[in-house]
Protein backbone atom coordinates (compact mmCIF):
# COMPACT_ATOMS: atom_id res chain seq x y z
CA UNK A 1 -7.08 40.78 22.71
CA UNK A 2 -5.30 42.71 19.86
CA UNK A 3 -1.53 43.55 20.70
CA UNK A 4 -0.45 47.08 20.57
CA UNK A 5 1.25 46.78 16.70
CA UNK A 6 -2.48 45.64 15.73
CA UNK A 7 -4.05 48.58 17.14
CA UNK A 8 -4.75 51.53 15.23
CA UNK A 9 -4.95 54.49 17.43
CA UNK A 10 -6.44 58.07 15.57
CA UNK A 11 -4.83 61.23 17.05
CA UNK A 12 -6.68 64.75 16.03
CA UNK A 13 -4.60 67.72 16.47
CA UNK A 14 -1.15 65.61 16.50
CA UNK A 15 1.15 67.68 14.77
CA UNK A 16 1.09 70.36 17.76
CA UNK A 17 3.29 70.82 21.08
CA UNK A 18 1.75 68.36 22.87
CA UNK A 19 0.60 66.15 19.76
CA UNK A 20 4.14 65.88 18.65
CA UNK A 21 5.09 63.97 22.61
CA UNK A 22 1.92 61.98 22.60
CA UNK A 23 2.51 60.63 18.94
CA UNK A 24 6.14 60.13 20.27
CA UNK A 25 5.17 58.33 23.45
CA UNK A 26 2.07 56.09 21.77
CA UNK A 27 5.28 54.99 19.39
CA UNK A 28 7.05 53.99 22.25
CA UNK A 29 4.27 51.49 23.45
CA UNK A 30 4.42 50.60 19.56
CA UNK A 31 0.86 51.66 18.82
CA UNK A 32 -0.06 52.04 14.41
CA UNK A 33 -0.62 55.75 14.61
CA UNK A 34 -2.51 57.75 12.32
CA UNK A 35 -2.75 61.35 12.67
CA UNK A 36 -5.42 63.39 11.76
CA UNK A 37 -4.48 67.33 10.66
CA UNK A 38 -5.64 70.43 8.50
CA UNK A 39 -2.25 70.66 6.35
CA UNK A 40 -1.13 66.92 6.80
CA UNK A 41 1.67 67.86 4.25
CA UNK A 42 3.70 69.94 7.18
CA UNK A 43 3.11 66.79 9.56
CA UNK A 44 6.32 64.96 7.95
CA UNK A 45 7.94 65.73 11.21
CA UNK A 46 6.46 63.04 12.80
CA UNK A 47 7.14 60.16 11.07
CA UNK A 48 10.51 60.23 12.47
CA UNK A 49 9.17 59.59 15.78
CA UNK A 50 8.08 56.16 15.17
CA UNK A 51 9.45 52.95 13.17
CA UNK A 52 9.01 53.23 9.19
CA UNK A 53 5.14 53.08 8.67
CA UNK A 54 4.26 53.44 12.00
CA UNK A 55 3.11 56.93 12.15
CA UNK A 56 0.65 58.11 9.08
CA UNK A 57 -0.84 62.17 8.68
CA UNK A 58 -4.25 61.97 6.96
CA UNK A 59 -6.29 65.46 6.34
CA UNK A 60 -9.23 66.01 8.53
CA UNK A 61 -10.83 69.30 9.59
CA UNK A 62 -13.02 69.39 12.76
CA UNK A 63 -15.36 72.00 11.50
CA UNK A 64 -16.18 69.01 8.56
CA UNK A 65 -17.81 66.09 9.87
CA UNK A 66 -17.45 63.78 6.75
CA UNK A 67 -13.24 64.52 6.78
CA UNK A 68 -13.28 63.43 10.76
CA UNK A 69 -15.41 60.17 10.11
CA UNK A 70 -12.91 59.31 6.89
CA UNK A 71 -9.43 59.92 9.22
CA UNK A 72 -11.25 57.45 12.17
CA UNK A 73 -12.31 54.65 9.75
CA UNK A 74 -10.68 51.52 11.44
CA UNK A 75 -9.62 52.90 14.65
CA UNK A 76 -9.86 51.62 17.91
CA UNK A 77 -8.96 54.42 19.96
CA UNK A 78 -8.94 58.34 18.98
CA UNK A 79 -7.67 60.91 20.82
CA UNK A 80 -8.56 64.67 20.50
CA UNK A 81 -6.02 67.15 21.30
CA UNK A 82 -7.27 70.12 18.67
CA UNK A 83 -7.72 73.53 20.43
CA UNK A 84 -6.91 76.73 20.01
CA UNK A 85 -5.48 79.91 22.46
CA UNK A 86 -6.33 82.49 20.06
CA UNK A 87 -9.14 82.43 17.69
CA UNK A 88 -8.27 83.11 13.96
CA UNK A 89 -11.16 83.38 11.12
CA UNK A 90 -13.07 80.41 11.25
CA UNK A 91 -10.94 78.69 13.71
CA UNK A 92 -12.97 80.33 16.70
CA UNK A 93 -12.95 78.84 20.14
CA UNK A 94 -16.49 77.74 19.97
CA UNK A 95 -16.25 75.45 16.11
CA UNK A 96 -12.91 74.05 17.37
CA UNK A 97 -12.95 73.76 20.83
CA UNK A 98 -16.49 73.05 21.26
CA UNK A 99 -18.37 71.99 18.07
CA UNK A 100 -15.27 70.26 16.80
CA UNK A 101 -14.83 68.04 19.98
CA UNK A 102 -18.69 66.98 19.75
CA UNK A 103 -17.87 66.09 15.94
CA UNK A 104 -15.39 63.76 17.00
CA UNK A 105 -17.16 62.48 19.71
CA UNK A 106 -19.99 61.71 17.51
CA UNK A 107 -17.88 59.95 15.13
CA UNK A 108 -16.06 57.74 17.84
CA UNK A 109 -19.32 56.70 18.90
CA UNK A 110 -20.22 55.67 15.75
CA UNK A 111 -17.22 53.70 14.62
CA UNK A 112 -17.08 52.33 18.67
CA UNK A 113 -13.97 53.35 19.38
CA UNK A 114 -12.88 54.51 23.02
CA UNK A 115 -11.82 58.15 23.06
CA UNK A 116 -9.38 60.34 25.09
CA UNK A 117 -10.34 63.82 25.40
CA UNK A 118 -7.98 66.47 26.12
CA UNK A 119 -9.25 69.50 27.99
CA UNK A 120 -7.88 72.24 30.19
CA UNK A 121 -8.08 73.06 34.04
CA UNK A 122 -10.10 75.86 34.01
CA UNK A 123 -13.21 74.39 31.81
CA UNK A 124 -15.75 75.97 33.58
CA UNK A 125 -19.12 76.96 31.60
CA UNK A 126 -18.69 79.87 34.03
CA UNK A 127 -15.78 80.63 33.48
CA UNK A 128 -14.33 84.56 32.79
CA UNK A 129 -12.66 83.88 29.19
CA UNK A 130 -14.31 82.14 26.57
CA UNK A 131 -11.60 79.80 26.30
CA UNK A 132 -12.69 78.15 29.40
CA UNK A 133 -16.14 78.07 28.49
CA UNK A 134 -15.87 76.20 25.42
CA UNK A 135 -13.42 73.51 26.79
CA UNK A 136 -16.46 73.09 29.24
CA UNK A 137 -18.78 72.85 26.32
CA UNK A 138 -16.40 70.40 24.49
CA UNK A 139 -16.02 68.32 27.42
CA UNK A 140 -20.36 68.27 27.51
CA UNK A 141 -20.54 67.06 24.33
CA UNK A 142 -17.95 64.37 24.46
CA UNK A 143 -19.36 62.45 27.34
CA UNK A 144 -22.93 62.84 25.82
CA UNK A 145 -21.63 61.03 23.14
CA UNK A 146 -19.20 58.82 24.57
CA UNK A 147 -19.96 58.70 28.41
CA UNK A 148 -17.16 56.30 28.83
CA UNK A 149 -14.85 58.82 27.63
CA UNK A 150 -11.42 59.61 29.55
CA UNK A 151 -10.98 63.64 29.80
CA UNK A 152 -7.51 64.91 31.04
CA UNK A 153 -7.51 68.55 32.09
CA UNK A 154 -3.82 69.44 32.44
CA UNK A 155 -2.51 72.76 33.67
CA UNK A 156 -0.06 75.24 31.80
CA UNK A 157 2.40 73.13 29.72
CA UNK A 158 5.82 73.53 29.37
CA UNK A 159 8.58 71.82 27.25
CA UNK A 160 11.28 72.05 24.88
CA UNK A 161 9.44 74.30 22.06
CA UNK A 162 6.84 75.22 24.37
CA UNK A 163 5.09 78.87 23.70
CA UNK A 164 5.33 79.96 27.63
CA UNK A 165 8.81 79.56 28.69
CA UNK A 166 10.69 80.01 25.43
CA UNK A 167 8.52 83.32 24.62
CA UNK A 168 9.17 84.71 28.21
CA UNK A 169 12.73 83.67 27.81
CA UNK A 170 13.19 85.58 24.36
CA UNK A 171 11.37 88.48 25.22
CA UNK A 172 14.09 88.48 28.16
CA UNK A 173 16.50 89.12 25.61
CA UNK A 174 15.16 92.20 24.23
CA UNK A 175 13.26 93.79 26.67
CA UNK A 176 14.41 95.45 29.90
CA UNK A 177 11.41 93.91 31.43
CA UNK A 178 9.10 91.37 31.54
CA UNK A 179 5.11 92.32 32.46
CA UNK A 180 3.26 90.69 35.26
CA UNK A 181 -0.53 91.15 34.39
CA UNK A 182 -2.42 91.28 37.92
CA UNK A 183 0.63 91.32 39.62
CA UNK A 184 1.64 88.07 38.76
CA UNK A 185 -0.37 86.60 41.80
CA UNK A 186 -2.36 84.04 40.42
CA UNK A 187 -1.47 80.65 40.66
CA UNK A 188 -0.60 78.02 38.51
CA UNK A 189 0.59 74.02 38.24
CA UNK A 190 2.81 73.74 35.51
CA UNK A 191 3.18 70.40 33.94
CA UNK A 192 5.72 69.02 31.86
CA UNK A 193 4.49 67.78 28.56
CA UNK A 194 6.38 64.50 28.53
CA UNK A 195 4.07 63.67 31.57
CA UNK A 196 0.80 64.66 30.21
CA UNK A 197 1.56 62.79 27.26
CA UNK A 198 2.71 59.38 29.08
CA UNK A 199 -0.87 60.41 30.59
CA UNK A 200 -2.46 60.19 27.38
CA UNK A 201 -0.97 56.73 26.80
CA UNK A 202 -1.89 55.68 29.94
CA UNK A 203 -5.43 56.19 28.72
CA UNK A 204 -5.23 54.56 25.39
CA UNK A 205 -3.72 51.88 27.58
CA UNK A 206 -6.72 51.50 29.63
CA UNK A 207 -5.66 52.63 32.64
CA UNK A 208 -7.90 55.31 33.34
CA UNK A 209 -11.35 55.18 34.85
CA UNK A 210 -14.46 55.11 32.40
CA UNK A 211 -16.14 58.52 32.27
CA UNK A 212 -13.76 60.03 34.74
CA UNK A 213 -11.86 63.75 34.48
CA UNK A 214 -8.40 63.80 35.21
CA UNK A 215 -6.83 67.15 36.36
CA UNK A 216 -3.01 67.04 35.61
CA UNK A 217 -0.70 69.44 37.11
CA UNK A 218 3.13 69.36 37.90
CA UNK A 219 4.71 68.75 41.48
CA UNK A 220 4.80 72.63 42.67
CA UNK A 221 1.83 75.37 42.56
CA UNK A 222 3.78 78.72 41.49
CA UNK A 223 2.51 82.16 41.52
CA UNK A 224 3.31 83.98 37.78
CA UNK A 225 5.83 86.03 39.41
CA UNK A 226 7.22 82.95 40.61
CA UNK A 227 7.69 81.60 37.22
CA UNK A 228 9.08 84.46 35.77
CA UNK A 229 11.69 84.72 38.55
CA UNK A 230 12.53 81.19 37.64
CA UNK A 231 12.95 81.59 33.67
CA UNK A 232 15.25 84.57 34.59
CA UNK A 233 17.08 82.31 36.77
CA UNK A 234 17.61 79.85 34.45
CA UNK A 235 18.60 82.52 31.64
CA UNK A 236 21.15 84.17 33.81
CA UNK A 237 19.17 87.69 33.19
CA UNK A 238 18.18 90.50 35.47
CA UNK A 239 15.11 92.20 34.59
CA UNK A 240 12.76 94.31 35.93
CA UNK A 241 9.17 92.39 36.73
CA UNK A 242 6.54 95.28 36.21
CA UNK A 243 3.22 94.82 37.44
CA UNK A 244 0.07 95.72 35.22
CA UNK A 245 -3.31 96.32 36.18
CA UNK A 246 -5.88 93.64 34.75
CA UNK A 247 -7.55 96.89 33.47
CA UNK A 248 -4.47 98.09 31.39
CA UNK A 249 -3.66 95.08 30.43
CA UNK A 250 -7.32 94.52 28.93
CA UNK A 251 -6.84 97.92 27.24
CA UNK A 252 -3.53 97.08 25.84
CA UNK A 253 -4.78 93.57 24.45
CA UNK A 254 -7.08 95.45 22.25
CA UNK A 255 -4.35 96.54 20.25
CA UNK A 256 -1.61 93.64 20.86
CA UNK A 257 -4.23 91.02 19.89
CA UNK A 258 -3.03 91.90 16.05
CA UNK A 259 0.68 91.92 17.38
CA UNK A 260 2.86 89.19 15.60
CA UNK A 261 4.80 86.24 17.73
CA UNK A 262 5.97 86.86 21.49
CA UNK A 263 4.05 90.47 21.56
CA UNK A 264 0.68 88.90 20.95
CA UNK A 265 -1.71 89.26 23.91
CA UNK A 266 -5.30 89.06 23.75
CA UNK A 267 -8.28 90.30 25.93
CA UNK A 268 -9.42 86.44 26.45
CA UNK A 269 -5.97 85.69 27.56
CA UNK A 270 -6.18 88.21 30.21
CA UNK A 271 -9.34 86.80 31.70
CA UNK A 272 -7.66 83.37 31.97
CA UNK A 273 -4.83 85.20 33.82
CA UNK A 274 -7.65 86.15 36.51
CA UNK A 275 -8.23 83.05 37.68
CA UNK A 276 -6.06 80.32 39.20
CA UNK A 277 -4.88 77.30 37.22
CA UNK A 278 -4.39 74.41 39.85
CA UNK A 279 -5.18 71.02 40.12
CA UNK A 280 -8.72 70.73 42.91
CA UNK A 281 -8.61 69.30 46.04
CA UNK A 282 -11.43 66.93 44.73
CA UNK A 283 -9.35 65.61 41.85
CA UNK A 284 -6.73 65.07 44.21
CA UNK A 285 -8.68 63.29 46.76
CA UNK A 286 -10.26 61.08 43.88
CA UNK A 287 -6.37 60.28 42.68
CA UNK A 288 -7.63 61.43 39.27
CA UNK A 289 -4.23 63.04 39.07
CA UNK A 290 -0.62 62.34 37.66
CA UNK A 291 0.48 60.84 40.92
CA UNK A 292 -3.09 58.85 40.74
CA UNK A 293 -1.73 57.25 37.58
CA UNK A 294 1.81 56.37 39.15
CA UNK A 295 3.57 59.16 36.95
CA UNK A 296 5.76 61.39 39.43
CA UNK A 297 5.55 64.91 37.80
CA UNK A 298 8.47 66.72 36.94
CA UNK A 299 9.34 70.32 38.00
CA UNK A 300 10.22 73.39 35.79
CA UNK A 301 13.40 74.06 37.47
CA UNK A 302 14.30 70.32 36.66
CA UNK A 303 13.63 70.47 33.22
CA UNK A 304 13.58 74.11 32.21
CA UNK A 305 17.01 74.40 31.89
CA UNK A 306 17.81 71.69 29.50
CA UNK A 307 16.58 73.72 26.81
CA UNK A 308 16.17 77.48 27.94
CA UNK A 309 20.11 77.29 27.95
CA UNK A 310 20.55 78.83 24.78
CA UNK A 311 18.68 82.12 26.06
CA UNK A 312 21.60 82.73 28.32
CA UNK A 313 23.44 85.63 28.11
CA UNK A 314 26.92 85.22 25.96
CA UNK A 315 29.97 84.15 27.73
CA UNK A 316 27.92 83.22 30.87
CA UNK A 317 27.15 79.77 30.08
CA UNK A 318 28.32 76.43 28.98
CA UNK A 319 26.33 73.80 28.20
CA UNK A 320 26.61 70.69 30.61
CA UNK A 321 27.39 67.59 28.36
CA UNK A 322 25.01 65.09 28.99
């Protein structure tokens, strides 16, 4: 059996938030890592995550099968992390999360490589959001091509450089209120990105059941209101939590979908917030969870203070020494 040093793992979408953590986890386990991205010249930040020559970036675009096949050459394991929360130009939910996933899976099958596919809790062909429907279509395409593939569905991810807790902590700096779409009563089970990266690495190690779907959530089920309260407490800011009915949020999203940065809100994101995003009872019963993999999930209260400290009100905080 080949050692990790002799095992090449190709990671599609490895330069993103989850991707960086997956590459780090694989590097610590001494795998050889090929990172397949659209712009390899922008992936230089990944090389210091491993030893010299351990991490190598190559060009690939899931909309072009030939580039996917070339990036996968000689790989023993393939990981698909490619996804998008918003559509832009040719990067649509269908092209990236549905057809793109199928392209990667078919290439993996042809190469005889094992496959780990990262989807999302909420993947459902009947989902209210196009995002959720495309994730479900992607899962179906992967299992059709590679029935033994492991599928991982994380809940909302948090951690340094995330686009969720950091976004609202930054918004609290400049706004007297934080919006709660639909009153903030929808429930989520925030998962620490490091825990999810460890689960991906475990799947590469062969610790997951072939053809199974794992649901990865943190130790707590929280409403969006509770998460906003946690962010405000960590950053030591007092802000009004303003309930925004779904109808009004959908109307505002028609315009805010074109806004930059933290102000961006799309109609599809509003639709996503109309459903809970938690680990199912079926997954818990089958132990297809982080705990089932032997991973004790970290809570948002334990991790977020380590990076949200910089958003604290001036003069109110001194960072504790490590």
